[in-house]
Amino acid sequence: MNNKRFYLSERDKKIGGVCGGIAEYFDVDPLLVRVLFLVAILEIGVGLFAYIALWLLAPKNPNQY
């Protein structure tokens, strides 16, 4: 079974570590995730709410300290 979990990133963090954490989870470039969030914020409007919710609710990675 896959024990992969989503955590906020401490290594690749610009504001809250949400985009860096998503990038680490899906093993993609963090810039791609940041661009997708920016598009979601500008075009759809829900990106900002999703980012803030993830920032507040997602745990920090205990292995990065």
N, C-alpha and C. Protein backbone atom coordinates (compact mmCIF):
# COMPACT_ATOMS: atom_id res chain seq x y z
N MET A 1 0.83 -1.18 0.00
CA MET A 1 0.00 0.00 0.00
C MET A 1 0.88 1.25 0.00
N ASN A 2 0.45 2.26 -0.68
CA ASN A 2 1.20 3.50 -0.81
C ASN A 2 1.00 4.37 0.43
N ASN A 3 2.08 4.72 1.11
CA ASN A 3 2.00 5.56 2.30
C ASN A 3 2.30 7.02 2.00
N LYS A 4 2.13 7.40 0.78
CA LYS A 4 2.40 8.77 0.36
C LYS A 4 1.33 9.70 0.94
N ARG A 5 1.78 10.82 1.56
CA ARG A 5 0.85 11.78 2.16
C ARG A 5 1.20 13.18 1.69
N PHE A 6 0.22 14.04 1.69
CA PHE A 6 0.43 15.43 1.32
C PHE A 6 0.81 16.24 2.56
N TYR A 7 1.91 16.97 2.45
CA TYR A 7 2.36 17.87 3.51
C TYR A 7 2.73 19.21 2.89
N LEU A 8 2.69 20.25 3.70
CA LEU A 8 3.23 21.53 3.28
C LEU A 8 4.73 21.38 3.14
N SER A 9 5.29 22.02 2.14
CA SER A 9 6.72 21.92 1.89
C SER A 9 7.47 22.98 2.68
N GLU A 10 8.55 22.59 3.30
CA GLU A 10 9.44 23.54 3.96
C GLU A 10 10.63 23.85 3.06
N ARG A 11 10.94 22.96 2.13
CA ARG A 11 12.09 23.16 1.24
C ARG A 11 11.75 24.06 0.07
N ASP A 12 10.60 23.87 -0.53
CA ASP A 12 10.20 24.63 -1.71
C ASP A 12 8.99 25.48 -1.34
N LYS A 13 9.25 26.54 -0.61
CA LYS A 13 8.18 27.34 -0.04
C LYS A 13 8.37 28.79 -0.45
N LYS A 14 7.32 29.38 -1.01
CA LYS A 14 7.33 30.81 -1.34
C LYS A 14 6.46 31.58 -0.36
N ILE A 15 5.25 31.10 -0.12
CA ILE A 15 4.35 31.75 0.84
C ILE A 15 4.04 30.77 1.95
N GLY A 16 3.26 29.75 1.65
CA GLY A 16 2.84 28.82 2.68
C GLY A 16 3.33 27.40 2.49
N GLY A 17 3.92 27.10 1.36
CA GLY A 17 4.39 25.75 1.09
C GLY A 17 3.36 24.85 0.44
N VAL A 18 2.21 25.41 0.07
CA VAL A 18 1.14 24.60 -0.52
C VAL A 18 1.55 24.09 -1.90
N CYS A 19 1.97 24.98 -2.77
CA CYS A 19 2.34 24.58 -4.13
C CYS A 19 3.55 23.64 -4.13
N GLY A 20 4.51 23.92 -3.27
CA GLY A 20 5.67 23.04 -3.15
C GLY A 20 5.27 21.66 -2.65
N GLY A 21 4.33 21.60 -1.72
CA GLY A 21 3.84 20.32 -1.22
C GLY A 21 3.09 19.53 -2.27
N ILE A 22 2.27 20.22 -3.03
CA ILE A 22 1.54 19.55 -4.12
C ILE A 22 2.52 19.03 -5.16
N ALA A 23 3.52 19.84 -5.48
CA ALA A 23 4.53 19.42 -6.45
C ALA A 23 5.30 18.20 -5.97
N GLU A 24 5.65 18.17 -4.68
CA GLU A 24 6.36 17.01 -4.13
C GLU A 24 5.45 15.78 -4.15
N TYR A 25 4.19 15.94 -3.83
CA TYR A 25 3.26 14.82 -3.79
C TYR A 25 3.08 14.19 -5.18
N PHE A 26 2.90 15.03 -6.19
CA PHE A 26 2.68 14.53 -7.55
C PHE A 26 3.96 14.41 -8.37
N ASP A 27 5.10 14.78 -7.78
CA ASP A 27 6.40 14.70 -8.43
C ASP A 27 6.41 15.47 -9.75
N VAL A 28 6.00 16.74 -9.66
CA VAL A 28 6.01 17.64 -10.81
C VAL A 28 6.78 18.90 -10.43
N ASP A 29 7.03 19.74 -11.41
CA ASP A 29 7.74 20.99 -11.20
C ASP A 29 6.86 21.95 -10.38
N PRO A 30 7.39 22.54 -9.31
CA PRO A 30 6.60 23.47 -8.50
C PRO A 30 6.13 24.70 -9.28
N LEU A 31 6.89 25.11 -10.27
CA LEU A 31 6.48 26.25 -11.09
C LEU A 31 5.17 25.96 -11.82
N LEU A 32 5.00 24.74 -12.29
CA LEU A 32 3.75 24.34 -12.95
C LEU A 32 2.57 24.46 -11.99
N VAL A 33 2.74 24.02 -10.77
CA VAL A 33 1.67 24.09 -9.78
C VAL A 33 1.35 25.55 -9.46
N ARG A 34 2.38 26.38 -9.34
CA ARG A 34 2.17 27.80 -9.05
C ARG A 34 1.42 28.50 -10.19
N VAL A 35 1.77 28.15 -11.42
CA VAL A 35 1.08 28.74 -12.57
C VAL A 35 -0.38 28.30 -12.59
N LEU A 36 -0.64 27.03 -12.30
CA LEU A 36 -2.02 26.54 -12.28
C LEU A 36 -2.83 27.23 -11.18
N PHE A 37 -2.24 27.45 -10.02
CA PHE A 37 -2.93 28.18 -8.96
C PHE A 37 -3.19 29.62 -9.38
N LEU A 38 -2.23 30.25 -10.03
CA LEU A 38 -2.41 31.62 -10.50
C LEU A 38 -3.56 31.71 -11.50
N VAL A 39 -3.61 30.76 -12.42
CA VAL A 39 -4.71 30.73 -13.39
C VAL A 39 -6.04 30.52 -12.67
N ALA A 40 -6.05 29.63 -11.69
CA ALA A 40 -7.29 29.37 -10.94
C ALA A 40 -7.72 30.61 -10.16
N ILE A 41 -6.78 31.38 -9.68
CA ILE A 41 -7.12 32.61 -8.96
C ILE A 41 -7.65 33.67 -9.91
N LEU A 42 -6.98 33.86 -11.03
CA LEU A 42 -7.34 34.93 -11.96
C LEU A 42 -8.58 34.60 -12.79
N GLU A 43 -8.70 33.38 -13.24
CA GLU A 43 -9.79 33.02 -14.15
C GLU A 43 -11.04 32.52 -13.42
N ILE A 44 -10.84 31.64 -12.49
CA ILE A 44 -11.98 30.98 -11.84
C ILE A 44 -12.34 31.67 -10.53
N GLY A 45 -11.34 32.10 -9.79
CA GLY A 45 -11.57 32.79 -8.54
C GLY A 45 -11.54 31.91 -7.31
N VAL A 46 -11.60 30.60 -7.48
CA VAL A 46 -11.61 29.70 -6.32
C VAL A 46 -10.20 29.29 -5.90
N GLY A 47 -9.22 29.60 -6.71
CA GLY A 47 -7.84 29.21 -6.39
C GLY A 47 -7.35 29.80 -5.10
N LEU A 48 -7.70 31.04 -4.82
CA LEU A 48 -7.26 31.69 -3.59
C LEU A 48 -7.87 31.01 -2.37
N PHE A 49 -9.16 30.68 -2.45
CA PHE A 49 -9.81 30.00 -1.33
C PHE A 49 -9.23 28.60 -1.13
N ALA A 50 -8.94 27.91 -2.21
CA ALA A 50 -8.35 26.58 -2.11
C ALA A 50 -6.95 26.66 -1.50
N TYR A 51 -6.17 27.64 -1.91
CA TYR A 51 -4.82 27.80 -1.39
C TYR A 51 -4.87 28.07 0.11
N ILE A 52 -5.71 29.00 0.53
CA ILE A 52 -5.81 29.35 1.94
C ILE A 52 -6.31 28.16 2.77
N ALA A 53 -7.28 27.43 2.24
CA ALA A 53 -7.80 26.26 2.95
C ALA A 53 -6.71 25.20 3.13
N LEU A 54 -5.96 24.93 2.07
CA LEU A 54 -4.88 23.95 2.17
C LEU A 54 -3.79 24.42 3.12
N TRP A 55 -3.49 25.71 3.09
CA TRP A 55 -2.46 26.28 3.96
C TRP A 55 -2.85 26.11 5.43
N LEU A 56 -4.13 26.31 5.73
CA LEU A 56 -4.59 26.22 7.11
C LEU A 56 -4.80 24.78 7.58
N LEU A 57 -5.20 23.89 6.67
CA LEU A 57 -5.59 22.55 7.06
C LEU A 57 -4.52 21.49 6.88
N ALA A 58 -3.60 21.69 5.97
CA ALA A 58 -2.60 20.66 5.68
C ALA A 58 -1.51 20.65 6.75
N PRO A 59 -1.06 19.46 7.12
CA PRO A 59 0.00 19.38 8.14
C PRO A 59 1.36 19.69 7.54
N LYS A 60 2.27 20.13 8.40
CA LYS A 60 3.66 20.31 7.99
C LYS A 60 4.32 18.95 7.99
N ASN A 61 5.32 18.79 7.15
CA ASN A 61 6.01 17.52 7.04
C ASN A 61 6.92 17.32 8.25
N PRO A 62 6.67 16.30 9.06
CA PRO A 62 7.51 16.07 10.24
C PRO A 62 8.91 15.58 9.89
N ASN A 63 9.13 15.11 8.67
CA ASN A 63 10.44 14.58 8.25
C ASN A 63 11.36 15.65 7.71
N GLN A 64 10.90 16.88 7.56
CA GLN A 64 11.74 17.93 6.97
C GLN A 64 12.41 18.80 8.02
N TYR A 65 12.32 18.46 9.26
CA TYR A 65 12.93 19.28 10.32
C TYR A 65 14.23 18.71 10.78
